[in-house]
């Protein structure tokens, strides 16, 4: 008897409009590829209902989160944040994706800081891990994590692209994993070298679909079925076989998210 290699995609937006008309088929392709569990990070109220509906149809395969993405934080953030309350009774596996983004705009940086800290406190209250989005904001995020050390936080830095020094500094602020995705397969991507020094026991796999499609699918819409392509590249960089990558990263994901 042969057993299929199992993977977990810890960050995928298969509820996004990019998959309209084929939501269930996309999940089917992922499971056919061995991706047996998928974590759905929340963005804001615009897509939340669709996300939970899809998760309910695929219970045991899809695991939703709850959170307000930093790029959705603006002058109306209090109203948007308040809309999350109606969903706190749902079964969720993390608070996310949350964090800071100074790439798209710096107009609401102070509001982003406030909302980020509020959601870290919410994760503590609910005893849940967090999924952190960080774009051109590492120092700001580390400063907030320093101020929140007393919360005993745990979670994952989504789409990690930092240096090994940044990775090492994270351990001072809680129990952290890094999410490794399609960027790992890109030519000259610095994370391809950094990942050699990051312990496999601290890595989880992700696609961030429909974004950041791995090679050789780059240029097309990303989806969770492409997780094995990322695993193959990570195996090459770590000098181990793909089965070990699948086993360890899936164990890491299940431990972190309780799935």
Protein backbone atom coordinates (compact mmCIF):
# COMPACT_ATOMS: atom_id res chain seq x y z
CA UNK A 1 0.00 0.00 0.00
CA UNK A 2 1.30 3.46 -0.86
CA UNK A 3 0.56 6.55 1.18
CA UNK A 4 0.19 10.00 -0.30
CA UNK A 5 2.58 12.66 0.92
CA UNK A 6 0.60 15.17 2.98
CA UNK A 7 1.11 18.93 2.88
CA UNK A 8 -0.47 21.88 4.64
CA UNK A 9 -0.91 25.29 3.02
CA UNK A 10 -0.81 27.70 5.96
CA UNK A 11 -1.75 30.79 3.96
CA UNK A 12 -4.11 30.70 1.00
CA UNK A 13 -6.93 32.97 -0.19
CA UNK A 14 -8.89 30.45 -2.24
CA UNK A 15 -12.04 32.40 -1.40
CA UNK A 16 -10.71 35.36 -3.40
CA UNK A 17 -12.70 36.57 -6.43
CA UNK A 18 -9.85 35.34 -8.60
CA UNK A 19 -11.32 31.85 -8.10
CA UNK A 20 -14.96 32.81 -8.73
CA UNK A 21 -16.91 29.97 -10.28
CA UNK A 22 -14.36 27.32 -9.33
CA UNK A 23 -13.88 27.61 -5.57
CA UNK A 24 -14.65 23.97 -4.84
CA UNK A 25 -12.72 22.67 -7.84
CA UNK A 26 -9.63 24.61 -6.72
CA UNK A 27 -9.81 22.98 -3.30
CA UNK A 28 -10.24 19.63 -5.03
CA UNK A 29 -7.08 20.16 -7.06
CA UNK A 30 -5.20 20.97 -3.89
CA UNK A 31 -6.31 17.83 -2.08
CA UNK A 32 -5.49 15.77 -5.17
CA UNK A 33 -1.95 17.21 -4.94
CA UNK A 34 -1.68 16.08 -1.32
CA UNK A 35 -2.52 19.41 0.30
CA UNK A 36 -4.96 18.04 2.86
CA UNK A 37 -5.29 21.14 5.05
CA UNK A 38 -5.54 24.80 4.08
CA UNK A 39 -5.54 27.83 6.38
CA UNK A 40 -7.62 30.79 5.16
CA UNK A 41 -6.38 34.15 6.53
CA UNK A 42 -9.04 36.83 6.86
CA UNK A 43 -8.72 40.25 5.18
CA UNK A 44 -11.79 42.35 6.01
CA UNK A 45 -15.58 42.36 5.92
CA UNK A 46 -15.74 42.43 2.13
CA UNK A 47 -14.70 38.80 1.74
CA UNK A 48 -15.35 37.36 5.20
CA UNK A 49 -18.75 35.84 4.45
CA UNK A 50 -17.44 34.07 1.34
CA UNK A 51 -14.44 32.77 3.29
CA UNK A 52 -16.52 31.24 6.09
CA UNK A 53 -19.05 29.79 3.65
CA UNK A 54 -16.30 27.97 1.78
CA UNK A 55 -14.75 26.79 5.02
CA UNK A 56 -18.07 25.37 6.18
CA UNK A 57 -18.46 23.42 2.93
CA UNK A 58 -14.99 21.94 3.38
CA UNK A 59 -14.86 21.43 7.14
CA UNK A 60 -11.78 19.46 8.16
CA UNK A 61 -9.89 20.61 5.07
CA UNK A 62 -10.27 24.39 5.24
CA UNK A 63 -9.57 26.28 8.47
CA UNK A 64 -10.62 29.96 8.60
CA UNK A 65 -9.05 32.78 10.59
CA UNK A 66 -10.34 36.15 11.75
CA UNK A 67 -8.52 39.44 11.43
CA UNK A 68 -8.19 42.85 9.84
CA UNK A 69 -5.42 43.15 7.26
CA UNK A 70 -3.23 46.27 7.65
CA UNK A 71 -4.04 47.53 4.15
CA UNK A 72 -7.71 47.53 5.17
CA UNK A 73 -7.00 49.90 8.07
CA UNK A 74 -8.03 53.47 7.29
CA UNK A 75 -9.96 56.33 8.85
CA UNK A 76 -12.97 54.02 9.21
CA UNK A 77 -11.05 51.31 11.04
CA UNK A 78 -13.17 51.32 14.18
CA UNK A 79 -16.29 50.42 12.22
CA UNK A 80 -14.43 47.79 10.19
CA UNK A 81 -12.82 46.32 13.29
CA UNK A 82 -16.19 46.18 15.02
CA UNK A 83 -17.59 44.03 12.21
CA UNK A 84 -15.33 41.19 13.34
CA UNK A 85 -17.31 40.79 16.57
CA UNK A 86 -20.17 39.05 14.76
CA UNK A 87 -17.78 36.26 13.76
CA UNK A 88 -15.93 35.63 17.03
CA UNK A 89 -18.26 32.74 17.84
CA UNK A 90 -17.14 30.86 14.74
CA UNK A 91 -14.48 28.20 14.95
CA UNK A 92 -11.22 29.84 13.88
CA UNK A 93 -7.62 28.66 14.03
CA UNK A 94 -5.79 32.01 14.24
CA UNK A 95 -6.04 35.77 14.36
CA UNK A 96 -4.79 36.95 11.01
CA UNK A 97 -3.70 38.15 8.81
CA UNK A 98 -2.66 41.16 10.84
CA UNK A 99 0.42 43.35 11.04
CA UNK A 100 1.89 46.39 9.33
CA UNK A 101 2.28 47.45 5.71
CA UNK A 102 4.27 50.56 4.83
CA UNK A 103 4.66 49.61 1.18
CA UNK A 104 1.26 50.56 -0.18
CA UNK A 105 0.73 53.60 2.02
CA UNK A 106 2.04 55.25 5.16
CA UNK A 107 -1.03 57.43 5.60
CA UNK A 108 -2.53 55.36 8.40
CA UNK A 109 0.61 54.01 10.07
CA UNK A 110 -0.48 55.05 13.56
CA UNK A 111 -3.88 53.45 13.06
CA UNK A 112 -2.16 50.29 11.82
CA UNK A 113 -0.08 50.18 15.00
CA UNK A 114 -3.21 50.51 17.15
CA UNK A 115 -5.15 47.84 15.28
CA UNK A 116 -2.17 45.47 15.23
CA UNK A 117 -1.73 45.70 18.98
CA UNK A 118 -5.46 45.29 19.60
CA UNK A 119 -5.45 42.08 17.57
CA UNK A 120 -2.39 40.73 19.36
CA UNK A 121 -4.28 41.26 22.61
CA UNK A 122 -7.33 39.53 21.10
CA UNK A 123 -5.20 36.53 20.16
CA UNK A 124 -3.93 36.36 23.73
CA UNK A 125 -7.47 36.52 25.10
CA UNK A 126 -8.66 33.78 22.74
CA UNK A 127 -5.48 31.68 23.16
CA UNK A 128 -4.88 31.65 19.41
CA UNK A 129 -1.77 32.05 17.25
CA UNK A 130 -1.39 35.03 14.92
CA UNK A 131 -0.49 35.34 11.24
CA UNK A 132 1.67 38.41 10.76
CA UNK A 133 1.87 40.41 7.54
CA UNK A 134 5.01 42.54 7.41
CA UNK A 135 5.95 44.68 4.43
CA UNK A 136 8.59 47.37 4.78
CA UNK A 137 7.73 47.51 8.47
CA UNK A 138 9.99 45.04 10.28
CA UNK A 139 11.31 47.50 12.86
CA UNK A 140 7.81 48.78 13.65
CA UNK A 141 6.51 45.25 14.13
CA UNK A 142 9.43 44.17 16.31
CA UNK A 143 8.91 47.25 18.46
CA UNK A 144 5.26 46.34 19.03
CA UNK A 145 6.15 42.72 19.73
CA UNK A 146 8.67 43.93 22.31
CA UNK A 147 5.89 45.88 24.01
CA UNK A 148 3.64 42.81 23.89
CA UNK A 149 6.13 40.23 25.15
CA UNK A 150 4.03 39.74 28.28
CA UNK A 151 1.24 38.27 26.14
CA UNK A 152 3.18 35.06 25.39
CA UNK A 153 2.47 35.31 21.68
CA UNK A 154 2.92 32.58 19.08
CA UNK A 155 2.38 32.50 15.36
CA UNK A 156 3.90 32.78 11.92
CA UNK A 157 5.57 35.55 9.94
CA UNK A 158 3.81 35.19 6.61
CA UNK A 159 5.92 35.43 3.42
CA UNK A 160 9.10 35.74 5.43
CA UNK A 161 11.87 37.42 3.44
CA UNK A 162 14.06 38.76 6.22
CA UNK A 163 17.67 38.04 7.07
CA UNK A 164 18.84 35.27 9.36
CA UNK A 165 19.51 37.99 11.96
CA UNK A 166 15.86 39.05 11.78
CA UNK A 167 14.76 35.44 12.18
CA UNK A 168 16.99 34.99 15.21
CA UNK A 169 15.67 38.14 16.84
CA UNK A 170 12.08 36.87 16.60
CA UNK A 171 12.63 34.23 19.27
CA UNK A 172 12.95 37.00 21.85
CA UNK A 173 9.34 37.98 21.27
CA UNK A 174 7.48 34.69 21.40
CA UNK A 175 7.12 31.31 19.71
CA UNK A 176 7.49 32.07 16.01
CA UNK A 177 7.52 30.17 12.74
CA UNK A 178 8.20 31.56 9.27
CA UNK A 179 5.99 31.02 6.25
CA UNK A 180 7.90 30.07 3.11
CA UNK A 181 6.20 30.33 -0.26
CA UNK A 182 6.69 30.80 -3.98
CA UNK A 183 9.30 33.54 -3.66
CA UNK A 184 11.72 30.79 -2.59
CA UNK A 185 11.72 29.55 -6.20
CA UNK A 186 12.50 32.94 -7.77
CA UNK A 187 15.90 33.60 -9.31
CA UNK A 188 18.18 35.57 -6.97
CA UNK A 189 15.62 35.53 -4.10
CA UNK A 190 17.62 36.14 -0.91
CA UNK A 191 15.33 33.86 1.12
CA UNK A 192 16.70 30.90 -0.87
CA UNK A 193 20.03 31.32 0.94
CA UNK A 194 18.59 32.43 4.29
CA UNK A 195 16.33 29.41 4.50
CA UNK A 196 19.38 27.15 4.64
CA UNK A 197 20.10 28.52 8.11
CA UNK A 198 16.53 28.47 9.43
CA UNK A 199 15.74 25.21 11.28
CA UNK A 200 13.15 23.14 9.44
CA UNK A 201 11.29 22.84 12.74
CA UNK A 202 10.54 26.59 12.46
CA UNK A 203 9.19 26.54 8.88
CA UNK A 204 5.68 26.16 7.50
CA UNK A 205 4.71 26.15 3.83
CA UNK A 206 2.30 28.58 2.19
CA UNK A 207 1.20 29.77 -1.24
CA UNK A 208 -0.52 33.14 -0.54
CA UNK A 209 -2.64 32.21 -3.55
CA UNK A 210 -3.68 33.78 -5.85
CA UNK A 211 -0.40 35.70 -5.43
CA UNK A 212 3.33 34.82 -5.50
CA UNK A 213 3.08 31.87 -7.86
CA UNK A 214 6.13 29.58 -7.74
CA UNK A 215 8.33 28.68 -10.70
CA UNK A 216 7.57 27.11 -13.19
CA UNK A 217 3.98 28.38 -12.88
CA UNK A 218 5.02 32.00 -12.34
CA UNK A 219 2.96 34.41 -14.42
CA UNK A 220 -0.26 32.51 -13.77
CA UNK A 221 -2.71 32.55 -10.87
CA UNK A 222 -1.34 30.78 -7.81
CA UNK A 223 -3.27 28.06 -5.98
CA UNK A 224 -2.77 25.65 -3.11
CA UNK A 225 -2.12 22.73 -5.46
CA UNK A 226 1.32 24.27 -6.11
CA UNK A 227 2.59 23.68 -2.55
CA UNK A 228 4.63 20.62 -3.70
CA UNK A 229 6.66 22.91 -6.01
CA UNK A 230 7.67 25.01 -3.00
CA UNK A 231 8.44 21.90 -0.98
CA UNK A 232 10.70 20.57 -3.74
CA UNK A 233 12.73 23.78 -3.79
CA UNK A 234 12.96 23.86 0.00
CA UNK A 235 14.15 20.24 0.00
CA UNK A 236 16.88 21.18 -2.49
CA UNK A 237 18.02 24.11 -0.36
CA UNK A 238 17.99 22.08 2.86
CA UNK A 239 19.61 18.98 1.36
CA UNK A 240 16.83 16.61 2.40
CA UNK A 241 14.09 14.75 0.53
CA UNK A 242 10.69 16.23 -0.20
CA UNK A 243 8.94 13.70 2.03
CA UNK A 244 10.84 15.05 5.04
CA UNK A 245 9.88 18.61 4.13
CA UNK A 246 6.23 17.57 3.86
CA UNK A 247 6.25 15.66 7.14
CA UNK A 248 8.02 18.27 9.26
CA UNK A 249 6.26 21.34 7.89
CA UNK A 250 2.87 19.66 8.23
CA UNK A 251 3.66 18.69 11.82
CA UNK A 252 4.69 22.29 12.48
CA UNK A 253 1.45 23.63 10.99
CA UNK A 254 -0.77 21.26 12.90
CA UNK A 255 0.99 22.06 16.15
CA UNK A 256 0.78 25.82 15.64
CA UNK A 257 -2.81 26.04 14.42
CA UNK A 258 -4.29 23.07 16.24
CA UNK A 259 -5.48 21.48 13.01
